[in-house]
PDB file of all heavy atoms in Angstrom:
ATOM      1  N   GLY A   1      86.123  95.106 378.047  1.00  0.00           N
ATOM      2  CA  GLY A   1      85.358  95.087 379.249  1.00  0.00           C
ATOM      3  C   GLY A   1      84.072  95.897 379.087  1.00  0.00           C
ATOM      4  O   GLY A   1      83.282  95.968 380.004  1.00  0.00           O
ATOM      5  N   TYR A   2      83.848  96.485 377.842  1.00  0.00           N
ATOM      6  CA  TYR A   2      82.637  97.303 377.701  1.00  0.00           C
ATOM      7  C   TYR A   2      81.336  96.576 377.995  1.00  0.00           C
ATOM      8  O   TYR A   2      80.351  97.140 378.501  1.00  0.00           O
ATOM      9  CB  TYR A   2      82.588  97.899 376.422  1.00  0.00           C
ATOM     10  CG  TYR A   2      82.192  96.871 375.298  1.00  0.00           C
ATOM     11  CD1 TYR A   2      81.014  96.619 374.882  1.00  0.00           C
ATOM     12  CD2 TYR A   2      83.152  96.160 374.607  1.00  0.00           C
ATOM     13  CE1 TYR A   2      80.577  95.578 373.894  1.00  0.00           C
ATOM     14  CE2 TYR A   2      82.964  95.240 373.642  1.00  0.00           C
ATOM     15  CZ  TYR A   2      81.617  95.012 373.300  1.00  0.00           C
ATOM     16  OH  TYR A   2      81.355  94.089 372.337  1.00  0.00           O
ATOM     17  N   GLU A   3      81.409  95.254 377.934  1.00  0.00           N
ATOM     18  CA  GLU A   3      80.212  94.465 378.185  1.00  0.00           C
ATOM     19  C   GLU A   3      79.770  94.548 379.639  1.00  0.00           C
ATOM     20  O   GLU A   3      78.595  94.424 379.953  1.00  0.00           O
ATOM     21  CB  GLU A   3      80.508  92.938 377.878  1.00  0.00           C
ATOM     22  CG  GLU A   3      80.954  92.620 376.494  1.00  0.00           C
ATOM     23  CD  GLU A   3      82.429  92.684 376.270  1.00  0.00           C
ATOM     24  OE1 GLU A   3      83.200  93.274 377.142  1.00  0.00           O
ATOM     25  OE2 GLU A   3      82.983  92.110 375.317  1.00  0.00           O
ATOM     26  N   ASP A   4      80.579  95.057 380.560  1.00  0.00           N
ATOM     27  CA  ASP A   4      80.263  95.099 381.937  1.00  0.00           C
ATOM     28  C   ASP A   4      80.307  96.557 382.473  1.00  0.00           C
ATOM     29  O   ASP A   4      80.072  96.788 383.641  1.00  0.00           O
ATOM     30  CB  ASP A   4      81.280  94.337 382.830  1.00  0.00           C
ATOM     31  CG  ASP A   4      81.179  92.933 382.514  1.00  0.00           C
ATOM     32  OD1 ASP A   4      80.121  92.404 382.325  1.00  0.00           O
ATOM     33  OD2 ASP A   4      82.265  92.178 382.527  1.00  0.00           O
ATOM     34  N   TRP A   5      80.380  97.526 381.529  1.00  0.00           N
ATOM     35  CA  TRP A   5      80.400  99.050 381.929  1.00  0.00           C
ATOM     36  C   TRP A   5      78.949  99.333 382.298  1.00  0.00           C
ATOM     37  O   TRP A   5      77.937  98.721 382.019  1.00  0.00           O
ATOM     38  CB  TRP A   5      80.860  99.819 380.849  1.00  0.00           C
ATOM     39  CG  TRP A   5      82.270  99.769 380.536  1.00  0.00           C
ATOM     40  CD1 TRP A   5      83.233  99.044 381.040  1.00  0.00           C
ATOM     41  CD2 TRP A   5      82.909 100.460 379.409  1.00  0.00           C
ATOM     42  NE1 TRP A   5      84.490  99.255 380.553  1.00  0.00           N
ATOM     43  CE2 TRP A   5      84.270 100.096 379.457  1.00  0.00           C
ATOM     44  CE3 TRP A   5      82.529 101.251 378.312  1.00  0.00           C
ATOM     45  CZ2 TRP A   5      85.267 100.603 378.501  1.00  0.00           C
ATOM     46  CZ3 TRP A   5      83.477 101.745 377.439  1.00  0.00           C
ATOM     47  CH2 TRP A   5      84.755 101.363 377.642  1.00  0.00           C
ATOM     48  N   ALA A   6      78.799 100.411 383.139  1.00  0.00           N
ATOM     49  CA  ALA A   6      77.552 100.973 383.611  1.00  0.00           C
ATOM     50  C   ALA A   6      76.720 101.586 382.485  1.00  0.00           C
ATOM     51  O   ALA A   6      77.332 102.187 381.624  1.00  0.00           O
ATOM     52  CB  ALA A   6      77.781 102.014 384.702  1.00  0.00           C
ATOM     53  N   VAL A   7      75.415 101.386 382.561  1.00  0.00           N
ATOM     54  CA  VAL A   7      74.541 101.918 381.570  1.00  0.00           C
ATOM     55  C   VAL A   7      74.417 103.503 381.878  1.00  0.00           C
ATOM     56  O   VAL A   7      74.243 103.892 383.010  1.00  0.00           O
ATOM     57  CB  VAL A   7      73.222 101.272 381.716  1.00  0.00           C
ATOM     58  CG1 VAL A   7      72.122 102.045 380.751  1.00  0.00           C
ATOM     59  CG2 VAL A   7      73.261  99.833 381.319  1.00  0.00           C
ATOM     60  N   VAL A   8      74.517 104.272 380.773  1.00  0.00           N
ATOM     61  CA  VAL A   8      74.330 105.690 380.861  1.00  0.00           C
ATOM     62  C   VAL A   8      72.855 106.079 380.473  1.00  0.00           C
ATOM     63  O   VAL A   8      72.179 106.644 381.125  1.00  0.00           O
ATOM     64  CB  VAL A   8      75.221 106.344 379.837  1.00  0.00           C
ATOM     65  CG1 VAL A   8      74.895 107.858 379.792  1.00  0.00           C
ATOM     66  CG2 VAL A   8      76.708 106.314 380.288  1.00  0.00           C
ATOM     67  N   SER A   9      72.416 105.434 379.371  1.00  0.00           N
ATOM     68  CA  SER A   9      71.102 105.733 378.854  1.00  0.00           C
ATOM     69  C   SER A   9      70.762 104.576 377.771  1.00  0.00           C
ATOM     70  O   SER A   9      71.513 103.690 377.552  1.00  0.00           O
ATOM     71  CB  SER A   9      71.176 107.067 378.160  1.00  0.00           C
ATOM     72  OG  SER A   9      69.843 107.454 377.705  1.00  0.00           O
ATOM     73  N   SER A  10      69.548 104.772 377.264  1.00  0.00           N
ATOM     74  CA  SER A  10      69.077 103.884 376.125  1.00  0.00           C
ATOM     75  C   SER A  10      68.315 104.739 375.107  1.00  0.00           C
ATOM     76  O   SER A  10      67.992 105.892 375.448  1.00  0.00           O
ATOM     77  CB  SER A  10      68.177 102.755 376.633  1.00  0.00           C
ATOM     78  OG  SER A  10      67.031 103.314 377.166  1.00  0.00           O
ATOM     79  N   ALA A  11      68.287 104.289 374.006  1.00  0.00           N
ATOM     80  CA  ALA A  11      67.629 104.929 372.834  1.00  0.00           C
ATOM     81  C   ALA A  11      66.984 104.005 371.875  1.00  0.00           C
ATOM     82  O   ALA A  11      67.398 102.803 371.834  1.00  0.00           O
ATOM     83  CB  ALA A  11      68.561 105.849 372.217  1.00  0.00           C
ATOM     84  N   ARG A  12      66.069 104.531 371.069  1.00  0.00           N
ATOM     85  CA  ARG A  12      65.396 103.549 370.133  1.00  0.00           C
ATOM     86  C   ARG A  12      65.234 104.391 368.750  1.00  0.00           C
ATOM     87  O   ARG A  12      64.665 105.532 368.955  1.00  0.00           O
ATOM     88  CB  ARG A  12      64.054 103.105 370.627  1.00  0.00           C
ATOM     89  CG  ARG A  12      63.217 102.364 369.581  1.00  0.00           C
ATOM     90  CD  ARG A  12      62.840 101.003 369.912  1.00  0.00           C
ATOM     91  NE  ARG A  12      62.006 100.314 369.224  1.00  0.00           N
ATOM     92  CZ  ARG A  12      61.935 100.016 367.913  1.00  0.00           C
ATOM     93  NH1 ARG A  12      62.709 100.620 367.154  1.00  0.00           N
ATOM     94  NH2 ARG A  12      61.049  99.263 367.378  1.00  0.00           N
ATOM     95  N   THR A  13      65.542 103.832 367.785  1.00  0.00           N
ATOM     96  CA  THR A  13      65.119 104.405 366.410  1.00  0.00           C
ATOM     97  C   THR A  13      64.173 103.343 365.760  1.00  0.00           C
ATOM     98  O   THR A  13      63.923 102.324 366.354  1.00  0.00           O
ATOM     99  CB  THR A  13      66.325 104.699 365.474  1.00  0.00           C
ATOM    100  OG1 THR A  13      66.858 103.413 365.086  1.00  0.00           O
ATOM    101  CG2 THR A  13      67.437 105.515 366.173  1.00  0.00           C
ATOM    102  N   ASP A  14      63.783 103.671 364.522  1.00  0.00           N
ATOM    103  CA  ASP A  14      62.917 102.682 363.866  1.00  0.00           C
ATOM    104  C   ASP A  14      63.692 101.423 363.571  1.00  0.00           C
ATOM    105  O   ASP A  14      63.125 100.326 363.445  1.00  0.00           O
ATOM    106  CB  ASP A  14      62.364 103.291 362.567  1.00  0.00           C
ATOM    107  CG  ASP A  14      61.403 104.342 362.851  1.00  0.00           C
ATOM    108  OD1 ASP A  14      60.769 104.392 363.927  1.00  0.00           O
ATOM    109  OD2 ASP A  14      61.111 105.231 361.981  1.00  0.00           O
ATOM    110  N   GLU A  15      64.969 101.546 363.508  1.00  0.00           N
ATOM    111  CA  GLU A  15      65.788 100.366 363.109  1.00  0.00           C
ATOM    112  C   GLU A  15      66.496  99.646 364.114  1.00  0.00           C
ATOM    113  O   GLU A  15      66.703  98.445 364.077  1.00  0.00           O
ATOM    114  CB  GLU A  15      66.859 100.766 362.141  1.00  0.00           C
ATOM    115  CG  GLU A  15      66.418 101.285 360.750  1.00  0.00           C
ATOM    116  CD  GLU A  15      65.920 102.859 360.856  1.00  0.00           C
ATOM    117  OE1 GLU A  15      66.535 103.533 361.588  1.00  0.00           O
ATOM    118  OE2 GLU A  15      65.000 103.244 360.070  1.00  0.00           O
ATOM    119  N   VAL A  16      66.898 100.322 365.309  1.00  0.00           N
ATOM    120  CA  VAL A  16      67.700  99.661 366.192  1.00  0.00           C
ATOM    121  C   VAL A  16      67.292 100.151 367.770  1.00  0.00           C
ATOM    122  O   VAL A  16      66.847 101.215 367.960  1.00  0.00           O
ATOM    123  CB  VAL A  16      69.278  99.973 366.130  1.00  0.00           C
ATOM    124  CG1 VAL A  16      69.753  99.312 364.796  1.00  0.00           C
ATOM    125  CG2 VAL A  16      69.511 101.403 366.118  1.00  0.00           C
ATOM    126  N   LEU A  17      67.628  99.146 368.664  1.00  0.00           N
ATOM    127  CA  LEU A  17      67.641  99.518 370.068  1.00  0.00           C
ATOM    128  C   LEU A  17      69.110  99.711 370.500  1.00  0.00           C
ATOM    129  O   LEU A  17      70.001  99.058 370.012  1.00  0.00           O
ATOM    130  CB  LEU A  17      67.127  98.290 370.897  1.00  0.00           C
ATOM    131  CG  LEU A  17      65.659  97.853 370.652  1.00  0.00           C
ATOM    132  CD1 LEU A  17      65.425  96.597 371.369  1.00  0.00           C
ATOM    133  CD2 LEU A  17      64.658  98.917 371.021  1.00  0.00           C
ATOM    134  N   LYS A  18      69.251 100.761 371.328  1.00  0.00           N
ATOM    135  CA  LYS A  18      70.568 101.164 371.742  1.00  0.00           C
ATOM    136  C   LYS A  18      70.659 101.188 373.211  1.00  0.00           C
ATOM    137  O   LYS A  18      69.819 101.761 373.856  1.00  0.00           O
ATOM    138  CB  LYS A  18      70.950 102.541 371.058  1.00  0.00           C
ATOM    139  CG  LYS A  18      70.717 102.709 369.607  1.00  0.00           C
ATOM    140  CD  LYS A  18      70.983 104.086 369.165  1.00  0.00           C
ATOM    141  CE  LYS A  18      70.565 104.246 367.679  1.00  0.00           C
ATOM    142  NZ  LYS A  18      70.959 105.590 367.130  1.00  0.00           N
ATOM    143  N   VAL A  19      71.829 100.769 373.654  1.00  0.00           N
ATOM    144  CA  VAL A  19      72.222 100.862 375.029  1.00  0.00           C
ATOM    145  C   VAL A  19      73.620 101.531 375.061  1.00  0.00           C
ATOM    146  O   VAL A  19      74.516 101.185 374.406  1.00  0.00           O
ATOM    147  CB  VAL A  19      72.269  99.469 375.822  1.00  0.00           C
ATOM    148  CG1 VAL A  19      72.710  99.643 377.262  1.00  0.00           C
ATOM    149  CG2 VAL A  19      70.857  98.825 375.773  1.00  0.00           C
ATOM    150  N   ILE A  20      73.587 102.680 375.816  1.00  0.00           N
ATOM    151  CA  ILE A  20      74.789 103.432 375.865  1.00  0.00           C
ATOM    152  C   ILE A  20      75.469 103.194 377.289  1.00  0.00           C
ATOM    153  O   ILE A  20      74.806 103.314 378.255  1.00  0.00           O
ATOM    154  CB  ILE A  20      74.500 104.985 375.712  1.00  0.00           C
ATOM    155  CG1 ILE A  20      73.974 105.208 374.276  1.00  0.00           C
ATOM    156  CG2 ILE A  20      75.740 105.813 375.865  1.00  0.00           C
ATOM    157  CD1 ILE A  20      72.472 105.099 374.240  1.00  0.00           C
ATOM    158  N   VAL A  21      76.706 102.787 377.169  1.00  0.00           N
ATOM    159  CA  VAL A  21      77.441 102.353 378.430  1.00  0.00           C
ATOM    160  C   VAL A  21      78.709 103.203 378.441  1.00  0.00           C
ATOM    161  O   VAL A  21      79.308 103.627 377.396  1.00  0.00           O
ATOM    162  CB  VAL A  21      77.827 100.886 378.420  1.00  0.00           C
ATOM    163  CG1 VAL A  21      76.499  99.996 378.415  1.00  0.00           C
ATOM    164  CG2 VAL A  21      78.593 100.323 377.247  1.00  0.00           C
ATOM    165  N   ALA A  22      79.275 103.380 379.645  1.00  0.00           N
ATOM    166  CA  ALA A  22      80.528 104.239 379.757  1.00  0.00           C
ATOM    167  C   ALA A  22      81.467 103.536 380.735  1.00  0.00           C
ATOM    168  O   ALA A  22      81.150 102.805 381.624  1.00  0.00           O
ATOM    169  CB  ALA A  22      80.238 105.635 380.279  1.00  0.00           C
ATOM    170  N   ASN A  23      82.728 103.821 380.548  1.00  0.00           N
ATOM    171  CA  ASN A  23      83.742 103.214 381.447  1.00  0.00           C
ATOM    172  C   ASN A  23      83.800 104.024 382.771  1.00  0.00           C
ATOM    173  O   ASN A  23      83.209 105.023 382.858  1.00  0.00           O
ATOM    174  CB  ASN A  23      85.173 103.278 380.728  1.00  0.00           C
ATOM    175  CG  ASN A  23      85.776 104.622 380.651  1.00  0.00           C
ATOM    176  OD1 ASN A  23      85.119 105.716 380.829  1.00  0.00           O
ATOM    177  ND2 ASN A  23      87.070 104.752 380.383  1.00  0.00           N
ATOM    178  N   PRO A  24      84.428 103.482 383.746  1.00  0.00           N
ATOM    179  CA  PRO A  24      84.414 104.064 385.095  1.00  0.00           C
ATOM    180  C   PRO A  24      84.872 105.550 385.065  1.00  0.00           C
ATOM    181  O   PRO A  24      84.362 106.404 385.918  1.00  0.00           O
ATOM    182  CB  PRO A  24      85.400 103.171 385.936  1.00  0.00           C
ATOM    183  CG  PRO A  24      85.183 101.781 385.244  1.00  0.00           C
ATOM    184  CD  PRO A  24      85.151 102.162 383.840  1.00  0.00           C
TER     185      PRO A  24
END
């Protein structure tokens, strides 16, 4: 179910875009 967890934050490096999500 991680696909539907709430977003905590986001980040970017030279190589990747990141979305950080957490469970309830």
